[in-house]
Amino acid sequence: MIRLNNNIEIPQMGVGTWTLRGETAINNVCMALKTGFRHIDTAQMYENEAEVGQGIINSGVTRKEIFLTTKVAPPTMREGENAVRKSIDDSLSRLNTPYLDLLLIHWPVKDCVKFTWQIMESYVKDGKIRSIGVSNFNPNHLEDLLSYAEIRPVINQIEVHPYMSQVENIEFNRNLGIQVEAWGPFGQGDIDIAGNPVLQALATKYQKTIPQIVLRWIVQRGLITIPRCKPNHFAENLAVMQFSLTNEDMQAINALNQNHRSDPRNNPDNFPW
């Protein structure tokens, strides 16, 4: 568990639901919870909130045991304040929950962050959202938000993998008391960590898979992470809590950094797409 700046705790390892649709989304979320995961991440943009909500119900796990995250979509933010409010209400309805554990601004949409954040703050005050945060924010975006925020973000969810280690960005967030959550821990698009000889050697040394080595590198840095919700990897992912990498091996993975984003469009300074 990782303690946030509002004293709420979040499970360090969760499951991400990007790309999941229909019955697959329902079944995978259900199985993740039955396997022992208690942290589920979705977003309005994923178009699967209803299925995630149904998976939670089907699992039989009580709502209070689950840390549930969703995110406000950029197109909604561009539509204005009323659309943002409606989208939050719709998310609560689709997820079939009276409250969210965490609501994030998905991307720093120009000229839309301030009113979106203030609306999110009002939902915290009304008890419908326990924590609020951001996703894909660079330091300049955070500095601007903090100039008017009444409630400090608890989390910044950013792309982190061996070729995009985000050392300076993570340090910046931590100095502000903001936890960092890593999305895309294995890279996406043209990124192929499976073929990396350093990671292959470490997998052999520890008798683990390359994804396990990468996830251990992330959690050992004190980061929260949400690998994709794939039933055949649930036990493997949870097992990373049962071993440690040496400092030397941690540094060897750090040295792989290339500041390589999975998609060049994912640089928040260049948003919108």
Protein backbone atom coordinates (compact mmCIF):
# COMPACT_ATOMS: atom_id res chain seq x y z
CA MET A 1 0.00 0.00 0.00
CA ILE A 2 1.15 3.54 -0.80
CA ARG A 3 -0.07 6.41 1.38
CA LEU A 4 -1.30 9.46 -0.53
CA ASN A 5 -1.01 13.07 0.65
CA ASN A 6 -4.61 12.94 1.95
CA ASN A 7 -3.76 9.89 4.12
CA ILE A 8 -5.76 7.51 1.92
CA GLU A 9 -3.89 4.35 0.89
CA ILE A 10 -3.76 2.89 -2.62
CA PRO A 11 -2.57 -0.62 -3.54
CA GLN A 12 0.81 -0.26 -5.24
CA MET A 13 -0.05 -2.88 -7.87
CA GLY A 14 -3.28 -2.57 -9.79
CA VAL A 15 -4.71 -3.58 -13.15
CA GLY A 16 -5.31 -1.33 -16.15
CA THR A 17 -8.32 -1.88 -18.37
CA TRP A 18 -7.31 0.03 -21.51
CA THR A 19 -8.31 -1.99 -24.64
CA LEU A 20 -10.76 -4.20 -22.68
CA ARG A 21 -14.29 -4.30 -24.04
CA GLY A 22 -17.54 -6.21 -23.56
CA GLU A 23 -17.58 -9.57 -21.83
CA THR A 24 -13.79 -9.69 -21.80
CA ALA A 25 -13.71 -6.53 -19.67
CA ILE A 26 -16.34 -7.89 -17.28
CA ASN A 27 -14.65 -11.27 -16.91
CA ASN A 28 -11.07 -9.97 -16.61
CA VAL A 29 -11.97 -7.43 -13.92
CA CYS A 30 -13.91 -10.07 -12.04
CA MET A 31 -10.99 -12.52 -12.21
CA ALA A 32 -8.47 -9.85 -11.19
CA LEU A 33 -10.43 -9.14 -8.03
CA LYS A 34 -10.91 -12.83 -7.27
CA THR A 35 -7.15 -13.35 -7.71
CA GLY A 36 -6.41 -10.73 -5.09
CA PHE A 37 -6.07 -7.39 -6.88
CA ARG A 38 -7.85 -4.49 -5.20
CA HIS A 39 -6.93 -1.61 -7.50
CA ILE A 40 -8.80 -1.14 -10.81
CA ASP A 41 -7.99 1.64 -13.30
CA THR A 42 -10.31 2.73 -16.11
CA ALA A 43 -11.20 5.95 -17.96
CA GLN A 44 -14.07 7.56 -19.80
CA MET A 45 -11.99 7.30 -22.99
CA TYR A 46 -11.75 3.51 -22.61
CA GLU A 47 -15.52 3.19 -23.10
CA ASN A 48 -15.70 0.27 -20.67
CA GLU A 49 -16.81 1.80 -17.37
CA ALA A 50 -20.12 -0.11 -17.36
CA GLU A 51 -18.29 -3.38 -17.93
CA VAL A 52 -15.74 -2.59 -15.22
CA GLY A 53 -18.61 -1.87 -12.84
CA GLN A 54 -20.28 -5.16 -13.72
CA GLY A 55 -17.00 -7.04 -13.23
CA ILE A 56 -16.74 -5.57 -9.74
CA ILE A 57 -20.28 -6.71 -8.93
CA ASN A 58 -19.67 -10.20 -10.36
CA SER A 59 -16.50 -10.63 -8.29
CA GLY A 60 -18.38 -10.56 -5.01
CA VAL A 61 -15.68 -8.33 -3.51
CA THR A 62 -17.21 -5.55 -1.43
CA ARG A 63 -16.89 -2.05 -2.84
CA LYS A 64 -15.05 -0.69 0.20
CA GLU A 65 -12.21 -3.18 -0.42
CA ILE A 66 -11.57 -1.82 -3.92
CA PHE A 67 -9.62 1.25 -5.01
CA LEU A 68 -11.38 2.41 -8.20
CA THR A 69 -9.98 5.03 -10.58
CA THR A 70 -11.41 6.68 -13.67
CA LYS A 71 -10.42 9.74 -15.71
CA VAL A 72 -12.14 12.74 -17.32
CA ALA A 73 -11.80 12.58 -21.10
CA PRO A 74 -10.16 15.43 -23.10
CA PRO A 75 -13.07 15.80 -25.58
CA THR A 76 -15.43 16.26 -22.63
CA MET A 77 -13.21 18.93 -21.12
CA ARG A 78 -13.30 20.84 -24.42
CA GLU A 79 -17.11 20.84 -24.28
CA GLY A 80 -17.09 22.89 -21.09
CA GLU A 81 -18.10 22.83 -17.44
CA ASN A 82 -21.56 21.31 -17.81
CA ALA A 83 -20.18 18.47 -19.90
CA VAL A 84 -17.49 17.73 -17.29
CA ARG A 85 -20.07 17.60 -14.49
CA LYS A 86 -22.32 15.33 -16.53
CA SER A 87 -19.40 13.07 -17.42
CA ILE A 88 -18.51 12.56 -13.74
CA ASP A 89 -22.13 11.77 -12.88
CA ASP A 90 -22.27 9.39 -15.86
CA SER A 91 -19.06 7.67 -14.74
CA LEU A 92 -20.50 7.10 -11.28
CA SER A 93 -23.66 5.70 -12.87
CA ARG A 94 -21.86 3.45 -15.37
CA LEU A 95 -19.51 2.12 -12.69
CA ASN A 96 -22.54 1.57 -10.45
CA THR A 97 -20.82 3.14 -7.47
CA PRO A 98 -21.79 5.95 -5.06
CA TYR A 99 -18.22 7.26 -5.02
CA LEU A 100 -14.85 7.12 -6.78
CA ASP A 101 -11.62 6.49 -4.92
CA LEU A 102 -9.70 8.55 -7.47
CA LEU A 103 -10.62 10.78 -10.41
CA LEU A 104 -7.89 12.00 -12.74
CA ILE A 105 -7.68 14.62 -15.47
CA HIS A 106 -6.58 12.35 -18.31
CA TRP A 107 -4.54 14.94 -20.25
CA PRO A 108 -3.69 18.62 -19.66
CA VAL A 109 -6.13 20.09 -22.17
CA LYS A 110 -5.23 23.73 -22.77
CA ASP A 111 -7.59 26.27 -21.17
CA CYS A 112 -9.70 23.47 -19.65
CA VAL A 113 -7.69 22.24 -16.67
CA LYS A 114 -8.67 24.98 -14.21
CA PHE A 115 -12.44 24.66 -14.43
CA THR A 116 -12.19 20.85 -14.60
CA TRP A 117 -10.07 20.76 -11.45
CA GLN A 118 -12.41 23.09 -9.60
CA ILE A 119 -15.38 20.90 -10.53
CA MET A 120 -13.49 17.84 -9.30
CA GLU A 121 -12.76 19.65 -6.03
CA SER A 122 -16.49 20.28 -5.57
CA TYR A 123 -17.17 16.54 -5.92
CA VAL A 124 -14.58 15.84 -3.21
CA LYS A 125 -16.35 18.31 -0.93
CA ASP A 126 -19.67 16.60 -1.70
CA GLY A 127 -18.21 13.19 -0.77
CA LYS A 128 -18.61 11.64 -4.21
CA ILE A 129 -14.86 11.48 -4.89
CA ARG A 130 -12.28 10.56 -2.25
CA SER A 131 -9.14 11.69 -4.11
CA ILE A 132 -8.29 13.68 -7.23
CA GLY A 133 -5.20 13.77 -9.36
CA VAL A 134 -3.81 14.13 -12.86
CA SER A 135 -2.43 12.03 -15.68
CA ASN A 136 0.27 12.87 -18.23
CA PHE A 137 1.18 16.19 -16.59
CA ASN A 138 4.66 17.61 -17.02
CA PRO A 139 6.14 19.90 -14.32
CA ASN A 140 4.94 23.05 -16.07
CA HIS A 141 1.36 21.77 -16.06
CA LEU A 142 1.58 20.93 -12.37
CA GLU A 143 3.02 24.32 -11.48
CA ASP A 144 0.12 26.03 -13.21
CA LEU A 145 -2.48 23.81 -11.51
CA LEU A 146 -0.96 24.35 -8.07
CA SER A 147 -1.24 28.12 -8.51
CA TYR A 148 -5.01 27.88 -7.98
CA ALA A 149 -5.77 24.39 -6.62
CA GLU A 150 -7.39 24.20 -3.20
CA ILE A 151 -6.81 20.45 -3.13
CA ARG A 152 -3.35 19.16 -4.05
CA PRO A 153 -3.26 16.28 -6.57
CA VAL A 154 -2.54 12.96 -4.88
CA ILE A 155 -1.21 11.23 -8.01
CA ASN A 156 0.29 11.96 -11.41
CA GLN A 157 -0.10 8.97 -13.72
CA ILE A 158 2.65 9.05 -16.37
CA GLU A 159 4.36 6.76 -18.86
CA VAL A 160 7.22 4.86 -17.20
CA HIS A 161 9.17 1.91 -18.61
CA PRO A 162 12.88 1.02 -18.95
CA TYR A 163 13.29 3.25 -22.03
CA MET A 164 11.35 6.11 -20.39
CA SER A 165 12.47 6.19 -16.76
CA GLN A 166 11.17 9.72 -15.95
CA VAL A 167 13.71 10.23 -13.14
CA GLU A 168 13.52 14.04 -13.04
CA ASN A 169 9.75 14.16 -13.47
CA ILE A 170 9.25 11.64 -10.66
CA GLU A 171 11.52 13.61 -8.34
CA PHE A 172 9.63 16.82 -9.16
CA ASN A 173 6.32 15.19 -8.24
CA ARG A 174 7.65 13.69 -5.03
CA ASN A 175 9.02 17.02 -3.90
CA LEU A 176 5.44 18.29 -4.15
CA GLY A 177 4.06 15.34 -2.17
CA ILE A 178 2.49 13.82 -5.29
CA GLN A 179 2.79 10.07 -5.83
CA VAL A 180 3.63 8.78 -9.31
CA GLU A 181 1.74 5.98 -11.01
CA ALA A 182 3.38 4.25 -13.97
CA TRP A 183 1.31 3.40 -17.01
CA GLY A 184 2.67 1.36 -19.91
CA PRO A 185 5.36 -0.39 -17.80
CA PHE A 186 6.36 -2.69 -20.66
CA GLY A 187 6.25 -0.03 -23.37
CA GLN A 188 3.89 0.07 -26.33
CA GLY A 189 4.02 0.64 -30.05
CA ASP A 190 7.53 0.07 -31.45
CA ILE A 191 9.09 -0.45 -28.01
CA ASP A 192 10.37 -4.01 -27.52
CA ILE A 193 11.77 -4.57 -24.06
CA ALA A 194 11.56 -8.35 -24.49
CA GLY A 195 14.59 -8.27 -26.78
CA ASN A 196 16.77 -6.21 -24.48
CA PRO A 197 19.91 -8.16 -23.48
CA VAL A 198 20.23 -6.46 -20.07
CA LEU A 199 16.70 -7.43 -19.12
CA GLN A 200 17.19 -10.91 -20.56
CA ALA A 201 20.30 -11.39 -18.42
CA LEU A 202 18.49 -10.19 -15.29
CA ALA A 203 15.56 -12.49 -15.97
CA THR A 204 17.98 -15.40 -16.15
CA LYS A 205 19.83 -14.30 -13.01
CA TYR A 206 16.67 -14.05 -10.90
CA GLN A 207 14.84 -16.89 -12.66
CA LYS A 208 11.96 -14.53 -13.44
CA THR A 209 10.27 -13.29 -16.60
CA ILE A 210 11.31 -9.98 -18.17
CA PRO A 211 7.93 -8.40 -17.25
CA GLN A 212 8.52 -9.44 -13.64
CA ILE A 213 11.96 -7.80 -13.67
CA VAL A 214 10.46 -4.60 -15.07
CA LEU A 215 7.58 -4.52 -12.59
CA ARG A 216 9.99 -5.14 -9.72
CA TRP A 217 12.14 -2.24 -10.94
CA ILE A 218 9.05 -0.01 -10.90
CA VAL A 219 7.69 -1.00 -7.49
CA GLN A 220 11.16 -0.94 -5.95
CA ARG A 221 11.34 2.71 -7.00
CA GLY A 222 8.26 3.28 -4.84
CA LEU A 223 5.96 3.81 -7.82
CA ILE A 224 2.39 2.64 -8.22
CA THR A 225 1.73 0.71 -11.42
CA ILE A 226 -1.17 -0.73 -13.43
CA PRO A 227 -0.09 -3.44 -15.90
CA ARG A 228 -2.84 -4.56 -18.23
CA CYS A 229 -5.63 -6.73 -16.87
CA LYS A 230 -4.67 -10.11 -18.37
CA PRO A 231 -5.70 -13.21 -16.37
CA ASN A 232 -2.73 -15.29 -17.56
CA HIS A 233 -0.38 -12.76 -15.95
CA PHE A 234 -2.18 -12.06 -12.65
CA ALA A 235 -0.19 -14.48 -10.46
CA GLU A 236 3.05 -13.55 -12.24
CA ASN A 237 2.50 -9.84 -11.60
CA LEU A 238 1.61 -10.27 -7.93
CA ALA A 239 4.73 -12.40 -7.41
CA VAL A 240 7.02 -9.39 -7.97
CA MET A 241 6.37 -8.43 -4.35
CA GLN A 242 8.29 -11.54 -3.28
CA PHE A 243 11.81 -10.70 -4.48
CA SER A 244 14.15 -7.70 -4.75
CA LEU A 245 16.72 -6.43 -7.25
CA THR A 246 20.16 -5.37 -6.09
CA ASN A 247 21.05 -1.68 -6.29
CA GLU A 248 23.49 -2.52 -9.06
CA ASP A 249 20.77 -4.21 -11.10
CA MET A 250 18.40 -1.33 -10.48
CA GLN A 251 21.03 1.03 -11.88
CA ALA A 252 21.57 -1.24 -14.88
CA ILE A 253 17.89 -0.87 -15.78
CA ASN A 254 18.00 2.88 -15.12
CA ALA A 255 20.84 3.10 -17.65
CA LEU A 256 18.53 1.81 -20.40
CA ASN A 257 16.66 5.11 -20.46
CA GLN A 258 16.34 6.76 -23.88
CA ASN A 259 13.50 9.20 -23.09
CA HIS A 260 11.60 7.16 -25.66
CA ARG A 261 7.84 7.60 -25.50
CA SER A 262 5.67 4.81 -26.84
CA ASP A 263 4.06 7.39 -29.13
CA PRO A 264 5.59 10.84 -29.85
CA ARG A 265 2.09 12.30 -29.50
CA ASN A 266 2.13 11.28 -25.84
CA ASN A 267 4.30 14.26 -24.89
CA PRO A 268 1.88 16.42 -22.87
CA ASP A 269 3.68 19.58 -24.04
CA ASN A 270 2.48 18.79 -27.56
CA PHE A 271 -1.09 18.02 -26.58
CA PRO A 272 -3.69 18.08 -28.14
CA TRP A 273 -3.11 15.38 -30.72
